[in-house]
């Protein structure tokens, strides 16, 4: 069984019987890869796509310029300093 994908300037095909992947350009240039090299090519393409995708992402953990500083080390709400202000300590 052959699986084909036709694009504007190239055609991709996979032949299950021979386990080969073929890339054919519109001018007749052709590359045929066996299953090992086809898998290696696929991994390469995925890595390049991830690299290009992640390259434009902003750094989330960057502290400078993101955090709002309070003047004179003030706390916005003093009640937020204690998490369990109204609870009594539990005895074991």
Protein backbone atom coordinates (compact mmCIF):
# COMPACT_ATOMS: atom_id res chain seq x y z
CA UNK A 1 0.00 0.00 0.00
CA UNK A 2 1.28 3.47 -0.88
CA UNK A 3 0.44 6.65 0.96
CA UNK A 4 0.81 9.84 -1.10
CA UNK A 5 0.66 13.53 -0.27
CA UNK A 6 0.73 15.96 -3.19
CA UNK A 7 1.79 19.55 -2.55
CA UNK A 8 2.32 22.49 -4.86
CA UNK A 9 6.03 21.90 -5.51
CA UNK A 10 6.68 18.40 -4.08
CA UNK A 11 5.14 15.00 -3.50
CA UNK A 12 5.67 12.76 -0.49
CA UNK A 13 4.99 9.03 -0.62
CA UNK A 14 5.45 6.07 1.70
CA UNK A 15 5.53 2.53 0.34
CA UNK A 16 4.60 -0.01 3.04
CA UNK A 17 5.73 -2.96 0.95
CA UNK A 18 9.30 -1.69 0.55
CA UNK A 19 9.26 0.41 3.75
CA UNK A 20 10.59 3.44 1.88
CA UNK A 21 9.81 7.16 2.05
CA UNK A 22 10.20 9.19 -1.15
CA UNK A 23 10.28 12.95 -1.69
CA UNK A 24 9.84 14.07 -5.30
CA UNK A 25 10.17 17.66 -6.50
CA UNK A 26 8.16 18.99 -9.42
CA UNK A 27 11.27 19.08 -11.64
CA UNK A 28 11.88 15.34 -11.12
CA UNK A 29 14.52 15.40 -8.37
CA UNK A 30 13.87 12.48 -6.03
CA UNK A 31 15.15 11.32 -2.64
CA UNK A 32 14.30 7.85 -1.34
CA UNK A 33 14.88 7.00 2.33
CA UNK A 34 14.61 3.62 4.02
CA UNK A 35 12.60 3.37 7.25
CA UNK A 36 15.60 4.12 9.51
CA UNK A 37 16.61 7.27 7.64
CA UNK A 38 12.98 8.33 7.21
CA UNK A 39 12.51 8.13 10.99
CA UNK A 40 15.74 10.09 11.58
CA UNK A 41 14.58 12.74 9.11
CA UNK A 42 11.22 12.96 10.88
CA UNK A 43 12.94 13.45 14.26
CA UNK A 44 15.12 16.18 12.74
CA UNK A 45 12.11 18.02 11.31
CA UNK A 46 10.23 17.83 14.63
CA UNK A 47 13.24 19.16 16.54
CA UNK A 48 13.64 22.09 14.15
CA UNK A 49 9.92 22.88 14.41
CA UNK A 50 10.09 22.80 18.23
CA UNK A 51 13.22 24.94 18.21
CA UNK A 52 11.61 27.55 16.00
CA UNK A 53 8.37 27.45 17.99
CA UNK A 54 10.07 27.86 21.38
CA UNK A 55 12.55 30.49 20.17
CA UNK A 56 9.91 33.24 20.11
CA UNK A 57 8.39 32.45 23.52
CA UNK A 58 8.92 34.87 26.39
CA UNK A 59 10.77 33.78 29.52
CA UNK A 60 8.17 33.33 32.26
CA UNK A 61 10.46 33.27 35.30
CA UNK A 62 12.19 36.55 34.51
CA UNK A 63 11.91 38.69 37.65
CA UNK A 64 13.26 42.06 36.56
CA UNK A 65 10.63 44.42 35.23
CA UNK A 66 7.78 42.05 36.01
CA UNK A 67 7.38 42.35 39.77
CA UNK A 68 5.86 45.49 41.32
CA UNK A 69 7.93 46.82 44.16
CA UNK A 70 6.34 48.55 47.15
CA UNK A 71 7.90 51.65 48.67
CA UNK A 72 9.71 51.31 52.02
CA UNK A 73 9.11 47.53 52.16
CA UNK A 74 5.44 48.10 52.96
CA UNK A 75 3.01 45.20 52.90
CA UNK A 76 -0.24 45.70 50.97
CA UNK A 77 -2.40 44.00 53.57
CA UNK A 78 -0.90 43.12 57.00
CA UNK A 79 -3.46 40.33 57.53
CA UNK A 80 -1.90 38.42 54.68
CA UNK A 81 1.27 37.93 56.68
CA UNK A 82 -0.31 35.19 58.84
CA UNK A 83 -2.08 32.38 57.06
CA UNK A 84 -4.00 30.96 60.03
CA UNK A 85 -4.58 33.99 62.22
CA UNK A 86 -7.94 32.84 63.69
CA UNK A 87 -7.11 29.17 64.16
CA UNK A 88 -5.80 27.81 67.43
CA UNK A 89 -2.87 25.38 67.28
CA UNK A 90 -3.95 21.74 67.23
CA UNK A 91 -2.69 19.39 69.91
CA UNK A 92 -1.63 15.88 68.98
